[in-house]
C-alpha atoms as a PDB file:
ATOM      1  CA  PRO A   1      -5.625  15.510  -8.727  1.00  0.00           C
ATOM      2  CA  ASN A   2      -7.338  13.229 -11.284  1.00  0.00           C
ATOM      3  CA  PHE A   3      -7.369   9.633 -12.524  1.00  0.00           C
ATOM      4  CA  ASP A   4      -4.774  10.033 -15.310  1.00  0.00           C
ATOM      5  CA  SER A   5      -2.206   8.015 -13.362  1.00  0.00           C
ATOM      6  CA  PHE A   6      -4.482   4.967 -13.429  1.00  0.00           C
ATOM      7  CA  TYR A   7      -3.740   4.536 -17.123  1.00  0.00           C
ATOM      8  CA  THR A   8       0.029   4.781 -16.673  1.00  0.00           C
ATOM      9  CA  VAL A   9       0.610   2.347 -13.804  1.00  0.00           C
ATOM     10  CA  GLY A  10       1.250  -0.624 -16.106  1.00  0.00           C
ATOM     11  CA  GLY A  11       3.594   1.424 -18.284  1.00  0.00           C
ATOM     12  CA  THR A  12       5.531   2.624 -15.254  1.00  0.00           C
ATOM     13  CA  LEU A  13       6.007  -0.892 -13.907  1.00  0.00           C
ATOM     14  CA  HIS A  14       7.366  -2.016 -17.247  1.00  0.00           C
ATOM     15  CA  GLY A  15       9.690   0.939 -17.793  1.00  0.00           C
ATOM     16  CA  GLY A  16       7.289   2.904 -19.966  1.00  0.00           C
ATOM     17  CA  PRO A  17       6.198   6.526 -19.570  1.00  0.00           C
ATOM     18  CA  GLY A  18       3.906   7.578 -16.781  1.00  0.00           C
ATOM     19  CA  ASP A  19       3.802   9.555 -13.582  1.00  0.00           C
ATOM     20  CA  ILE A  20       2.053   8.023 -10.621  1.00  0.00           C
ATOM     21  CA  THR A  21       3.651  10.355  -8.090  1.00  0.00           C
ATOM     22  CA  GLN A  22       0.760  12.815  -7.905  1.00  0.00           C
ATOM     23  CA  GLY A  23      -1.424  10.870  -5.449  1.00  0.00           C
ATOM     24  CA  ARG A  24      -1.492  11.929  -1.794  1.00  0.00           C
ATOM     25  CA  TYR A  25      -3.228  10.256   1.128  1.00  0.00           C
ATOM     26  CA  HIS A  26      -6.333  12.179   2.168  1.00  0.00           C
ATOM     27  CA  ARG A  27      -8.964  11.740   4.839  1.00  0.00           C
ATOM     28  CA  ALA A  28     -12.452  12.365   3.530  1.00  0.00           C
ATOM     29  CA  ARG A  29     -15.222  13.400   5.901  1.00  0.00           C
ATOM     30  CA  LEU A  30     -18.780  13.147   4.665  1.00  0.00           C
ATOM     31  CA  SER A  31     -21.753  14.862   6.245  1.00  0.00           C
ATOM     32  CA  PRO A  32     -24.929  13.594   4.587  1.00  0.00           C
ATOM     33  CA  SER A  33     -27.102  15.949   6.644  1.00  0.00           C
ATOM     34  CA  ALA A  34     -25.059  18.998   5.611  1.00  0.00           C
ATOM     35  CA  ARG A  35     -24.452  17.532   2.132  1.00  0.00           C
ATOM     36  CA  THR A  36     -20.725  18.246   2.376  1.00  0.00           C
ATOM     37  CA  LEU A  37     -17.448  16.482   1.691  1.00  0.00           C
ATOM     38  CA  ARG A  38     -14.247  17.689   3.300  1.00  0.00           C
ATOM     39  CA  SER A  39     -10.893  16.270   2.210  1.00  0.00           C
ATOM     40  CA  GLU A  40      -7.649  16.854   4.086  1.00  0.00           C
ATOM     41  CA  PRO A  41      -4.181  15.562   3.146  1.00  0.00           C
ATOM     42  CA  LEU A  42      -2.533  13.464   5.863  1.00  0.00           C
ATOM     43  CA  SER A  43       0.835  13.026   4.163  1.00  0.00           C
ATOM     44  CA  ASP A  44       2.800  14.991   1.602  1.00  0.00           C
ATOM     45  CA  ARG A  45       4.594  11.881   0.282  1.00  0.00           C
ATOM     46  CA  ALA A  46       3.242  10.428  -2.951  1.00  0.00           C
ATOM     47  CA  CYS A  47       1.335   7.189  -2.462  1.00  0.00           C
ATOM     48  CA  GLU A  48      -1.091   4.795  -4.097  1.00  0.00           C
ATOM     49  CA  PHE A  49      -3.250   1.789  -3.197  1.00  0.00           C
ATOM     50  CA  PRO A  50      -3.905   2.357   0.534  1.00  0.00           C
ATOM     51  CA  THR A  51      -5.348  -0.501   2.580  1.00  0.00           C
ATOM     52  CA  ILE A  52      -6.496  -0.694   6.192  1.00  0.00           C
ATOM     53  CA  VAL A  53      -7.516  -3.386   8.665  1.00  0.00           C
ATOM     54  CA  ARG A  54     -10.411  -5.292   7.155  1.00  0.00           C
ATOM     55  CA  GLY A  55     -13.678  -4.227   8.778  1.00  0.00           C
ATOM     56  CA  SER A  56     -12.409  -0.710   9.609  1.00  0.00           C
ATOM     57  CA  GLU A  57     -13.669   0.881   6.400  1.00  0.00           C
ATOM     58  CA  GLY A  58     -15.530   4.124   7.052  1.00  0.00           C
ATOM     59  CA  ARG A  59     -14.332   4.370  10.656  1.00  0.00           C
ATOM     60  CA  GLU A  60     -11.350   5.801  12.472  1.00  0.00           C
ATOM     61  CA  HIS A  61      -8.419   3.398  12.186  1.00  0.00           C
ATOM     62  CA  GLY A  62      -4.864   3.230  13.472  1.00  0.00           C
ATOM     63  CA  ALA A  63      -2.778   2.243  10.447  1.00  0.00           C
ATOM     64  CA  THR A  64      -2.888   2.540   6.676  1.00  0.00           C
ATOM     65  CA  TYR A  65      -0.573   0.484   4.480  1.00  0.00           C
ATOM     66  CA  LEU A  66       0.377   1.890   1.072  1.00  0.00           C
ATOM     67  CA  ALA A  67       2.761   1.871  -1.865  1.00  0.00           C
ATOM     68  CA  LEU A  68       4.918   5.008  -1.802  1.00  0.00           C
ATOM     69  CA  GLY A  69       6.430   7.270  -4.445  1.00  0.00           C
ATOM     70  CA  ASP A  70       6.851   5.581  -7.796  1.00  0.00           C
ATOM     71  CA  LEU A  71       5.970   2.244  -6.116  1.00  0.00           C
ATOM     72  CA  GLY A  72       9.505   1.998  -4.758  1.00  0.00           C
ATOM     73  CA  ALA A  73       8.536   1.555  -1.098  1.00  0.00           C
ATOM     74  CA  VAL A  74       5.956  -0.039   1.185  1.00  0.00           C
ATOM     75  CA  GLY A  75       4.727   2.291   3.918  1.00  0.00           C
ATOM     76  CA  LYS A  76       2.634   2.468   7.060  1.00  0.00           C
ATOM     77  CA  LEU A  77       0.873   5.717   7.899  1.00  0.00           C
ATOM     78  CA  ASP A  78      -0.714   6.534  11.237  1.00  0.00           C
ATOM     79  CA  PRO A  79      -3.698   8.655  10.174  1.00  0.00           C
ATOM     80  CA  ARG A  80      -4.069  10.046  13.708  1.00  0.00           C
ATOM     81  CA  THR A  81      -0.564  11.532  13.908  1.00  0.00           C
ATOM     82  CA  GLY A  82       0.643  11.604  10.292  1.00  0.00           C
ATOM     83  CA  ALA A  83       3.701   9.497  11.234  1.00  0.00           C
ATOM     84  CA  LEU A  84       4.971   7.532   8.241  1.00  0.00           C
ATOM     85  CA  VAL A  85       7.469   4.659   8.219  1.00  0.00           C
ATOM     86  CA  ALA A  86       8.605   2.746   5.162  1.00  0.00           C
ATOM     87  CA  HIS A  87      10.680  -0.036   3.699  1.00  0.00           C
ATOM     88  CA  GLU A  88      12.480   1.324   0.631  1.00  0.00           C
ATOM     89  CA  LEU A  89      12.983  -1.256  -2.122  1.00  0.00           C
ATOM     90  CA  PRO A  90      16.115  -1.514  -4.260  1.00  0.00           C
ATOM     91  CA  ALA A  91      15.990   0.834  -7.279  1.00  0.00           C
ATOM     92  CA  SER A  92      15.348  -2.103  -9.626  1.00  0.00           C
ATOM     93  CA  GLN A  93      12.180  -3.222  -7.795  1.00  0.00           C
ATOM     94  CA  ARG A  94       8.595  -1.972  -7.610  1.00  0.00           C
ATOM     95  CA  THR A  95       5.737  -2.991  -5.347  1.00  0.00           C
ATOM     96  CA  THR A  96       2.017  -3.337  -5.777  1.00  0.00           C
ATOM     97  CA  GLU A  97      -0.774  -2.762  -3.288  1.00  0.00           C
ATOM     98  CA  PRO A  98       0.240  -3.904   0.204  1.00  0.00           C
ATOM     99  CA  LEU A  99      -2.346  -6.068   1.918  1.00  0.00           C
ATOM    100  CA  PHE A 100      -2.644  -6.208   5.708  1.00  0.00           C
ATOM    101  CA  VAL A 101      -3.451  -9.577   7.296  1.00  0.00           C
ATOM    102  CA  GLN A 102      -4.403  -9.209  10.952  1.00  0.00           C
ATOM    103  CA  ARG A 103      -3.449 -11.919  13.436  1.00  0.00           C
ATOM    104  CA  PRO A 104      -6.451 -13.670  15.028  1.00  0.00           C
ATOM    105  CA  GLY A 105      -7.327 -11.907  18.283  1.00  0.00           C
ATOM    106  CA  ALA A 106      -5.161  -8.868  17.457  1.00  0.00           C
ATOM    107  CA  THR A 107      -5.818  -5.651  19.363  1.00  0.00           C
ATOM    108  CA  ALA A 108      -3.159  -3.376  17.828  1.00  0.00           C
ATOM    109  CA  PRO A 109      -3.536  -1.909  14.311  1.00  0.00           C
ATOM    110  CA  ASP A 110      -0.189  -3.371  13.272  1.00  0.00           C
ATOM    111  CA  ASP A 111      -0.513  -6.811  14.850  1.00  0.00           C
ATOM    112  CA  GLY A 112      -0.186  -8.923  11.741  1.00  0.00           C
ATOM    113  CA  HIS A 113       1.610  -9.131   8.416  1.00  0.00           C
ATOM    114  CA  VAL A 114       1.725  -7.020   5.290  1.00  0.00           C
ATOM    115  CA  LEU A 115       1.832  -8.904   1.987  1.00  0.00           C
ATOM    116  CA  ALA A 116       3.055  -7.172  -1.167  1.00  0.00           C
ATOM    117  CA  LEU A 117       3.655  -8.500  -4.646  1.00  0.00           C
ATOM    118  CA  GLN A 118       6.910  -7.000  -5.900  1.00  0.00           C
ATOM    119  CA  HIS A 119       8.677  -7.058  -9.249  1.00  0.00           C
ATOM    120  CA  ASP A 120      12.391  -7.273  -9.960  1.00  0.00           C
ATOM    121  CA  GLU A 121      13.211  -5.631 -13.302  1.00  0.00           C
ATOM    122  CA  PRO A 122      16.641  -7.215 -13.987  1.00  0.00           C
ATOM    123  CA  THR A 123      15.368 -10.781 -13.587  1.00  0.00           C
ATOM    124  CA  GLY A 124      11.796 -10.242 -14.827  1.00  0.00           C
ATOM    125  CA  ARG A 125      10.581 -12.140 -11.765  1.00  0.00           C
ATOM    126  CA  ALA A 126       8.011 -11.419  -9.090  1.00  0.00           C
ATOM    127  CA  VAL A 127       8.254 -12.001  -5.366  1.00  0.00           C
ATOM    128  CA  ARG A 128       5.627 -12.079  -2.619  1.00  0.00           C
ATOM    129  CA  ALA A 129       7.193 -10.112   0.229  1.00  0.00           C
ATOM    130  CA  ILE A 130       5.864 -10.715   3.735  1.00  0.00           C
ATOM    131  CA  TYR A 131       6.490  -8.040   6.364  1.00  0.00           C
ATOM    132  CA  ASP A 132       5.917  -7.936  10.109  1.00  0.00           C
ATOM    133  CA  ALA A 133       3.556  -4.949  10.169  1.00  0.00           C
ATOM    134  CA  ALA A 134       4.953  -3.697  13.499  1.00  0.00           C
ATOM    135  CA  ARG A 135       8.496  -3.607  12.041  1.00  0.00           C
ATOM    136  CA  LEU A 136       7.831  -2.628   8.430  1.00  0.00           C
ATOM    137  CA  PRO A 137      11.045  -0.575   7.914  1.00  0.00           C
ATOM    138  CA  ASP A 138      13.119  -3.693   8.746  1.00  0.00           C
ATOM    139  CA  GLY A 139      12.078  -5.238   5.432  1.00  0.00           C
ATOM    140  CA  PRO A 140      10.446  -8.560   4.632  1.00  0.00           C
ATOM    141  CA  VAL A 141      10.614 -11.404   7.131  1.00  0.00           C
ATOM    142  CA  ALA A 142      10.011 -13.839   4.248  1.00  0.00           C
ATOM    143  CA  ARG A 143       9.972 -13.840   0.447  1.00  0.00           C
ATOM    144  CA  ALA A 144       8.411 -16.299  -1.995  1.00  0.00           C
ATOM    145  CA  TRP A 145       9.967 -15.889  -5.455  1.00  0.00           C
ATOM    146  CA  PHE A 146       8.169 -16.778  -8.676  1.00  0.00           C
ATOM    147  CA  ASP A 147      10.172 -17.846 -11.714  1.00  0.00           C
ATOM    148  CA  HIS A 148       8.236 -15.346 -13.881  1.00  0.00           C
ATOM    149  CA  PHE A 149       6.580 -11.926 -13.902  1.00  0.00           C
ATOM    150  CA  VAL A 150       3.132 -11.766 -12.246  1.00  0.00           C
ATOM    151  CA  PRO A 151       0.771  -9.079 -13.579  1.00  0.00           C
ATOM    152  CA  ILE A 152      -0.056  -6.137 -11.326  1.00  0.00           C
ATOM    153  CA  THR A 153      -2.867  -6.738  -8.859  1.00  0.00           C
ATOM    154  CA  PHE A 154      -5.464  -4.305  -7.606  1.00  0.00           C
ATOM    155  CA  HIS A 155      -7.551  -4.154  -4.452  1.00  0.00           C
ATOM    156  CA  GLY A 156      -7.091  -7.551  -2.946  1.00  0.00           C
ATOM    157  CA  THR A 157      -8.436  -8.648   0.386  1.00  0.00           C
ATOM    158  CA  TRP A 158      -7.620 -11.387   2.849  1.00  0.00           C
ATOM    159  CA  ARG A 159     -10.111 -14.012   3.887  1.00  0.00           C
ATOM    160  CA  ASP A 160      -9.125 -16.027   6.921  1.00  0.00           C
ATOM    161  CA  GLY A 161     -11.079 -19.134   5.877  1.00  0.00           C
ATOM    162  CA  ARG A 162     -13.446 -19.200   8.826  1.00  0.00           C
END
């Protein structure tokens, strides 16, 4: 309902106070000619940091990738149907913003990988989890562990180097 949770994200990831479970995924429709904004919730599950296929901003798209709940899951939402699938992390782990990387020549909205930086509280380490976007609930297909904590990231993007 407001931006208060923005100031508590860091505290929540480090075991401090904070509630980031108020955010819900909404579709906003703007009509410049009518000077209106209409917002409709597409999911009743708490979420943060949604990302979509690069280049689809402002247009209808087939998949949204997001951190769910108290950052304890990585999810994929179909904004057309409201269907939501997720990979739930162990209770001792939290995730940051999932980033979708589309395969070259892809035609499906989930033809690619989802990258998420995740933190493991007991070890104080971070891991880059790599998911097959079409099979997100199956969990990561690969993990790259760091030997230390990596600070939370916001609003990354993928550049394919071309």
